[in-house]
Amino acid sequence: MNLRVIDICGSFCLDRVAGEKLCGVITDALSRGMPVCLDFSEVNALGGVFLNTAVGSLYGKFAAADLETRLSFNGLDPIPFPERVSRSDLVSWV
């Protein structure tokens, strides 16, 4: 399932309320066994509180290995981190 974040939360994704809204949609899809791709195209701003709530809290509901295979991201600018940083390190960072 492709979820356009802008359609769910708008173009400024900064607060806990918006993060909870997106987390609910993601949780519903993952609970039904669907893979989820979060499309951040056209989103102008992302906040740490939003990302912690929307994505980080999923690690308390689903196994990390499950999220690694069924949760993907699109429409994000590349992050200029060294190659040795893993995806799970980035998720725990946000």
Foldseek 3Di string as FASTA:
>chain_A
DEAELCVQQNQAQAALVSLQSLLVVVVVQVVVVAAYEYEPANRDYHHPNSLCSNPVCVVVVDPPVSCVPRYHYHHDDDDPDDPVQDPVNVSVVD
